[in-house]
Amino acid sequence: MALYSEKVMDHFRNPRNVGVIEDADGVGEVGNAKCGDIMKMYLKIEDEIITDVKFETFGCGSAIASSSMATELIKGKPVSEARQLTNQAVVEALDGLPAHKLHCSVLAQEAIEAALEDYEKKKG
């Protein structure tokens, strides 16, 4: 069996939603000093719907693929639904990750949570 699924490779080679949203409604940055992965998530939210999401990730292929897939899973969704996103949902959507790379999916979930917290703070 290949170490990475076709979906992981596709999202690594052709990541979706890469970039910065200058006037983002929520920004979250998380990192894992142990592995060196850093993720930054930007959210644009209108009427409690995530209308746009972008990310910047410094890390391995699994980190990039996890970030890309996570953005795809929450784009166009209500904030309440995005809050329910789990790292397991990211892993399943990618058709799996090697055990030693599961932390990448956790970082993607945490980056979204941090961006949503930032959005809530800004909203008041």
N, C-alpha and C. Protein backbone atom coordinates (compact mmCIF):
# COMPACT_ATOMS: atom_id res chain seq x y z
N MET A 1 0.84 -1.20 0.00
CA MET A 1 0.00 0.00 0.00
C MET A 1 0.87 1.25 0.00
N ALA A 2 0.47 2.23 -0.75
CA ALA A 2 1.21 3.50 -0.79
C ALA A 2 1.08 4.21 0.55
N LEU A 3 2.10 4.96 0.89
CA LEU A 3 2.11 5.69 2.15
C LEU A 3 1.00 6.75 2.17
N TYR A 4 0.79 7.40 1.03
CA TYR A 4 -0.21 8.47 0.94
C TYR A 4 -1.28 8.13 -0.10
N SER A 5 -2.52 8.49 0.21
CA SER A 5 -3.62 8.26 -0.73
C SER A 5 -3.51 9.22 -1.91
N GLU A 6 -4.25 8.91 -2.97
CA GLU A 6 -4.28 9.79 -4.14
C GLU A 6 -4.82 11.17 -3.76
N LYS A 7 -5.79 11.20 -2.85
CA LYS A 7 -6.35 12.50 -2.43
C LYS A 7 -5.31 13.34 -1.70
N VAL A 8 -4.51 12.72 -0.84
CA VAL A 8 -3.45 13.45 -0.14
C VAL A 8 -2.48 14.03 -1.17
N MET A 9 -2.07 13.20 -2.11
CA MET A 9 -1.12 13.65 -3.13
C MET A 9 -1.71 14.77 -3.97
N ASP A 10 -3.00 14.66 -4.32
CA ASP A 10 -3.65 15.69 -5.12
C ASP A 10 -3.70 17.03 -4.37
N HIS A 11 -4.09 16.98 -3.10
CA HIS A 11 -4.17 18.22 -2.32
C HIS A 11 -2.79 18.79 -2.00
N PHE A 12 -1.78 17.93 -1.96
CA PHE A 12 -0.40 18.42 -1.77
C PHE A 12 0.10 19.08 -3.05
N ARG A 13 -0.12 18.42 -4.18
CA ARG A 13 0.38 18.95 -5.46
C ARG A 13 -0.44 20.12 -5.97
N ASN A 14 -1.75 20.11 -5.68
CA ASN A 14 -2.66 21.15 -6.16
C ASN A 14 -3.51 21.68 -5.01
N PRO A 15 -2.87 22.31 -4.02
CA PRO A 15 -3.64 22.76 -2.86
C PRO A 15 -4.70 23.79 -3.24
N ARG A 16 -5.85 23.66 -2.61
CA ARG A 16 -6.96 24.59 -2.84
C ARG A 16 -6.90 25.70 -1.79
N ASN A 17 -7.35 26.88 -2.19
CA ASN A 17 -7.55 28.01 -1.26
C ASN A 17 -6.26 28.49 -0.59
N VAL A 18 -5.15 28.46 -1.30
CA VAL A 18 -3.90 28.97 -0.76
C VAL A 18 -3.89 30.49 -0.88
N GLY A 19 -3.39 31.16 0.14
CA GLY A 19 -3.24 32.61 0.06
C GLY A 19 -3.65 33.31 1.33
N VAL A 20 -3.83 34.61 1.18
CA VAL A 20 -4.14 35.49 2.30
C VAL A 20 -5.43 36.25 1.99
N ILE A 21 -6.26 36.45 2.99
CA ILE A 21 -7.41 37.35 2.86
C ILE A 21 -7.05 38.59 3.68
N GLU A 22 -6.77 39.68 2.98
CA GLU A 22 -6.28 40.90 3.65
C GLU A 22 -7.24 41.42 4.72
N ASP A 23 -8.54 41.41 4.41
CA ASP A 23 -9.53 41.96 5.35
C ASP A 23 -10.32 40.82 6.00
N ALA A 24 -9.61 39.78 6.40
CA ALA A 24 -10.25 38.60 6.98
C ALA A 24 -11.06 38.94 8.23
N ASP A 25 -12.16 38.25 8.40
CA ASP A 25 -12.99 38.41 9.60
C ASP A 25 -12.44 37.60 10.77
N GLY A 26 -11.65 36.60 10.45
CA GLY A 26 -11.02 35.77 11.48
C GLY A 26 -9.71 35.21 10.96
N VAL A 27 -8.68 35.27 11.80
CA VAL A 27 -7.37 34.72 11.44
C VAL A 27 -6.89 33.85 12.59
N GLY A 28 -6.44 32.66 12.26
CA GLY A 28 -5.92 31.76 13.28
C GLY A 28 -4.59 31.19 12.85
N GLU A 29 -3.63 31.21 13.76
CA GLU A 29 -2.32 30.64 13.47
C GLU A 29 -1.95 29.65 14.56
N VAL A 30 -1.54 28.47 14.14
CA VAL A 30 -1.12 27.43 15.08
C VAL A 30 0.16 26.81 14.56
N GLY A 31 0.89 26.20 15.48
CA GLY A 31 2.12 25.55 15.07
C GLY A 31 2.46 24.42 16.00
N ASN A 32 3.30 23.55 15.51
CA ASN A 32 3.77 22.42 16.29
C ASN A 32 5.30 22.47 16.26
N ALA A 33 5.90 22.91 17.35
CA ALA A 33 7.35 23.06 17.42
C ALA A 33 8.07 21.74 17.18
N LYS A 34 7.45 20.65 17.60
CA LYS A 34 8.06 19.33 17.47
C LYS A 34 8.33 18.96 16.01
N CYS A 35 7.35 19.23 15.14
CA CYS A 35 7.52 18.85 13.74
C CYS A 35 7.83 20.04 12.84
N GLY A 36 7.62 21.24 13.33
CA GLY A 36 7.94 22.43 12.55
C GLY A 36 6.83 22.94 11.66
N ASP A 37 5.66 22.30 11.69
CA ASP A 37 4.54 22.74 10.85
C ASP A 37 3.88 23.98 11.44
N ILE A 38 3.59 24.96 10.58
CA ILE A 38 2.87 26.16 11.00
C ILE A 38 1.75 26.40 10.00
N MET A 39 0.54 26.63 10.52
CA MET A 39 -0.62 26.88 9.66
C MET A 39 -1.27 28.20 10.06
N LYS A 40 -1.66 28.94 9.04
CA LYS A 40 -2.40 30.18 9.26
C LYS A 40 -3.65 30.11 8.40
N MET A 41 -4.81 30.30 9.02
CA MET A 41 -6.11 30.21 8.36
C MET A 41 -6.77 31.59 8.37
N TYR A 42 -7.35 31.97 7.24
CA TYR A 42 -8.05 33.25 7.09
C TYR A 42 -9.50 32.96 6.70
N LEU A 43 -10.44 33.60 7.40
CA LEU A 43 -11.86 33.39 7.12
C LEU A 43 -12.55 34.69 6.75
N LYS A 44 -13.40 34.63 5.74
CA LYS A 44 -14.30 35.73 5.38
C LYS A 44 -15.69 35.21 5.68
N ILE A 45 -16.42 35.92 6.53
CA ILE A 45 -17.72 35.44 6.99
C ILE A 45 -18.78 36.52 6.77
N GLU A 46 -19.88 36.11 6.13
CA GLU A 46 -21.01 37.01 5.93
C GLU A 46 -22.28 36.30 6.38
N ASP A 47 -23.04 36.94 7.25
CA ASP A 47 -24.28 36.36 7.78
C ASP A 47 -24.05 34.95 8.33
N GLU A 48 -22.93 34.80 9.07
CA GLU A 48 -22.57 33.54 9.73
C GLU A 48 -22.29 32.40 8.75
N ILE A 49 -21.98 32.74 7.49
CA ILE A 49 -21.59 31.75 6.48
C ILE A 49 -20.14 32.04 6.08
N ILE A 50 -19.32 31.00 6.01
CA ILE A 50 -17.93 31.18 5.59
C ILE A 50 -17.93 31.29 4.07
N THR A 51 -17.79 32.53 3.59
CA THR A 51 -17.86 32.78 2.16
C THR A 51 -16.52 32.57 1.48
N ASP A 52 -15.44 32.71 2.24
CA ASP A 52 -14.11 32.46 1.67
C ASP A 52 -13.18 32.01 2.79
N VAL A 53 -12.23 31.20 2.42
CA VAL A 53 -11.23 30.71 3.38
C VAL A 53 -9.93 30.50 2.61
N LYS A 54 -8.84 30.97 3.19
CA LYS A 54 -7.51 30.80 2.59
C LYS A 54 -6.57 30.32 3.69
N PHE A 55 -5.47 29.70 3.25
CA PHE A 55 -4.49 29.26 4.23
C PHE A 55 -3.08 29.45 3.72
N GLU A 56 -2.16 29.56 4.67
CA GLU A 56 -0.73 29.52 4.41
C GLU A 56 -0.19 28.44 5.35
N THR A 57 0.52 27.50 4.80
CA THR A 57 1.10 26.43 5.62
C THR A 57 2.57 26.26 5.30
N PHE A 58 3.36 26.27 6.35
CA PHE A 58 4.77 25.93 6.25
C PHE A 58 4.89 24.57 6.87
N GLY A 59 5.14 23.55 6.04
CA GLY A 59 5.22 22.21 6.60
C GLY A 59 5.31 21.15 5.54
N CYS A 60 5.13 19.93 5.97
CA CYS A 60 5.25 18.77 5.11
C CYS A 60 4.03 18.63 4.19
N GLY A 61 4.10 17.65 3.32
CA GLY A 61 3.01 17.40 2.39
C GLY A 61 1.69 17.10 3.08
N SER A 62 1.75 16.36 4.18
CA SER A 62 0.53 16.04 4.92
C SER A 62 -0.10 17.28 5.54
N ALA A 63 0.74 18.22 5.98
CA ALA A 63 0.24 19.47 6.56
C ALA A 63 -0.44 20.31 5.49
N ILE A 64 0.16 20.39 4.32
CA ILE A 64 -0.43 21.15 3.21
C ILE A 64 -1.74 20.51 2.77
N ALA A 65 -1.72 19.19 2.60
CA ALA A 65 -2.94 18.48 2.17
C ALA A 65 -4.06 18.63 3.21
N SER A 66 -3.71 18.54 4.49
CA SER A 66 -4.71 18.68 5.57
C SER A 66 -5.31 20.08 5.56
N SER A 67 -4.47 21.10 5.39
CA SER A 67 -4.96 22.48 5.33
C SER A 67 -5.90 22.66 4.14
N SER A 68 -5.48 22.18 2.99
CA SER A 68 -6.26 22.31 1.77
C SER A 68 -7.63 21.63 1.92
N MET A 69 -7.63 20.40 2.40
CA MET A 69 -8.88 19.66 2.56
C MET A 69 -9.78 20.32 3.60
N ALA A 70 -9.20 20.78 4.69
CA ALA A 70 -10.00 21.44 5.74
C ALA A 70 -10.71 22.67 5.19
N THR A 71 -10.02 23.45 4.35
CA THR A 71 -10.67 24.64 3.78
C THR A 71 -11.83 24.23 2.88
N GLU A 72 -11.64 23.16 2.12
CA GLU A 72 -12.71 22.68 1.25
C GLU A 72 -13.93 22.23 2.06
N LEU A 73 -13.69 21.65 3.22
CA LEU A 73 -14.78 21.12 4.05
C LEU A 73 -15.60 22.22 4.73
N ILE A 74 -15.02 23.41 4.91
CA ILE A 74 -15.78 24.47 5.61
C ILE A 74 -16.24 25.60 4.70
N LYS A 75 -15.69 25.71 3.52
CA LYS A 75 -16.06 26.80 2.60
C LYS A 75 -17.53 26.70 2.23
N GLY A 76 -18.24 27.81 2.40
CA GLY A 76 -19.67 27.85 2.08
C GLY A 76 -20.56 27.33 3.19
N LYS A 77 -19.96 26.91 4.28
CA LYS A 77 -20.73 26.33 5.39
C LYS A 77 -21.01 27.38 6.47
N PRO A 78 -22.06 27.16 7.26
CA PRO A 78 -22.32 28.04 8.41
C PRO A 78 -21.19 27.91 9.44
N VAL A 79 -20.95 28.99 10.17
CA VAL A 79 -19.94 28.98 11.23
C VAL A 79 -20.21 27.83 12.20
N SER A 80 -21.48 27.63 12.55
CA SER A 80 -21.84 26.57 13.51
C SER A 80 -21.40 25.19 13.01
N GLU A 81 -21.48 24.97 11.71
CA GLU A 81 -21.07 23.69 11.14
C GLU A 81 -19.54 23.58 11.12
N ALA A 82 -18.87 24.68 10.79
CA ALA A 82 -17.40 24.69 10.75
C ALA A 82 -16.81 24.37 12.12
N ARG A 83 -17.51 24.83 13.17
CA ARG A 83 -17.05 24.54 14.55
C ARG A 83 -17.04 23.04 14.85
N GLN A 84 -17.86 22.29 14.15
CA GLN A 84 -17.98 20.85 14.39
C GLN A 84 -16.92 20.03 13.65
N LEU A 85 -16.15 20.69 12.77
CA LEU A 85 -15.14 19.96 12.00
C LEU A 85 -14.12 19.32 12.93
N THR A 86 -13.88 18.04 12.71
CA THR A 86 -12.89 17.32 13.51
C THR A 86 -11.70 16.94 12.64
N ASN A 87 -10.58 16.69 13.29
CA ASN A 87 -9.43 16.23 12.52
C ASN A 87 -9.73 14.89 11.86
N GLN A 88 -10.59 14.08 12.50
CA GLN A 88 -10.95 12.78 11.92
C GLN A 88 -11.69 12.97 10.60
N ALA A 89 -12.54 14.00 10.52
CA ALA A 89 -13.25 14.28 9.27
C ALA A 89 -12.27 14.66 8.16
N VAL A 90 -11.24 15.40 8.52
CA VAL A 90 -10.20 15.79 7.55
C VAL A 90 -9.48 14.53 7.07
N VAL A 91 -9.09 13.67 8.00
CA VAL A 91 -8.39 12.42 7.66
C VAL A 91 -9.25 11.56 6.74
N GLU A 92 -10.53 11.42 7.08
CA GLU A 92 -11.43 10.60 6.27
C GLU A 92 -11.60 11.19 4.87
N ALA A 93 -11.72 12.51 4.78
CA ALA A 93 -11.88 13.16 3.48
C ALA A 93 -10.63 12.98 2.61
N LEU A 94 -9.48 12.82 3.25
CA LEU A 94 -8.23 12.59 2.52
C LEU A 94 -7.98 11.10 2.25
N ASP A 95 -8.92 10.26 2.62
CA ASP A 95 -8.76 8.80 2.51
C ASP A 95 -7.59 8.30 3.35
N GLY A 96 -7.41 8.94 4.50
CA GLY A 96 -6.41 8.48 5.47
C GLY A 96 -5.09 9.22 5.42
N LEU A 97 -4.39 9.16 6.56
CA LEU A 97 -3.03 9.68 6.70
C LEU A 97 -2.25 8.63 7.48
N PRO A 98 -0.95 8.55 7.25
CA PRO A 98 -0.14 7.64 8.09
C PRO A 98 -0.23 8.08 9.55
N ALA A 99 -0.16 7.13 10.46
CA ALA A 99 -0.30 7.42 11.89
C ALA A 99 0.63 8.53 12.36
N HIS A 100 1.85 8.53 11.87
CA HIS A 100 2.81 9.55 12.32
C HIS A 100 2.56 10.93 11.71
N LYS A 101 1.52 11.04 10.86
CA LYS A 101 1.16 12.33 10.25
C LYS A 101 -0.22 12.81 10.69
N LEU A 102 -0.87 12.09 11.59
CA LEU A 102 -2.20 12.50 12.04
C LEU A 102 -2.19 13.87 12.70
N HIS A 103 -1.07 14.26 13.32
CA HIS A 103 -0.99 15.57 13.96
C HIS A 103 -1.22 16.71 12.97
N CYS A 104 -0.97 16.47 11.69
CA CYS A 104 -1.21 17.50 10.68
C CYS A 104 -2.69 17.83 10.57
N SER A 105 -3.53 16.80 10.65
CA SER A 105 -4.98 17.02 10.59
C SER A 105 -5.46 17.74 11.85
N VAL A 106 -4.81 17.47 12.98
CA VAL A 106 -5.15 18.16 14.23
C VAL A 106 -4.82 19.64 14.11
N LEU A 107 -3.67 19.94 13.52
CA LEU A 107 -3.29 21.35 13.32
C LEU A 107 -4.30 22.08 12.44
N ALA A 108 -4.78 21.42 11.39
CA ALA A 108 -5.77 22.04 10.51
C ALA A 108 -7.04 22.37 11.28
N GLN A 109 -7.50 21.42 12.10
CA GLN A 109 -8.68 21.66 12.93
C GLN A 109 -8.43 22.82 13.89
N GLU A 110 -7.25 22.83 14.54
CA GLU A 110 -6.93 23.88 15.51
C GLU A 110 -6.81 25.25 14.84
N ALA A 111 -6.30 25.30 13.61
CA ALA A 111 -6.18 26.58 12.90
C ALA A 111 -7.56 27.16 12.60
N ILE A 112 -8.49 26.30 12.22
CA ILE A 112 -9.86 26.76 11.97
C ILE A 112 -10.49 27.23 13.27
N GLU A 113 -10.32 26.46 14.34
CA GLU A 113 -10.86 26.86 15.64
C GLU A 113 -10.29 28.22 16.08
N ALA A 114 -8.98 28.42 15.88
CA ALA A 114 -8.35 29.70 16.26
C ALA A 114 -8.90 30.85 15.43
N ALA A 115 -9.13 30.62 14.13
CA ALA A 115 -9.69 31.66 13.27
C ALA A 115 -11.12 31.98 13.67
N LEU A 116 -11.89 30.97 14.04
CA LEU A 116 -13.26 31.20 14.49
C LEU A 116 -13.29 31.95 15.83
N GLU A 117 -12.35 31.64 16.71
CA GLU A 117 -12.25 32.38 17.99
C GLU A 117 -11.93 33.83 17.72
N ASP A 118 -11.01 34.09 16.79
CA ASP A 118 -10.64 35.45 16.44
C ASP A 118 -11.85 36.19 15.87
N TYR A 119 -12.62 35.51 15.03
CA TYR A 119 -13.83 36.09 14.46
C TYR A 119 -14.81 36.49 15.56
N GLU A 120 -15.02 35.59 16.53
CA GLU A 120 -15.93 35.87 17.65
C GLU A 120 -15.48 37.09 18.45
N LYS A 121 -14.16 37.17 18.71
CA LYS A 121 -13.61 38.32 19.46
C LYS A 121 -13.84 39.61 18.73
N LYS A 122 -13.58 39.62 17.42
CA LYS A 122 -13.74 40.83 16.61
C LYS A 122 -15.20 41.24 16.53
N LYS A 123 -16.07 40.24 16.48
CA LYS A 123 -17.51 40.48 16.38
C LYS A 123 -18.05 41.10 17.68
N GLY A 124 -17.41 40.72 18.78
CA GLY A 124 -17.85 41.28 20.06
C GLY A 124 -18.85 40.45 20.70
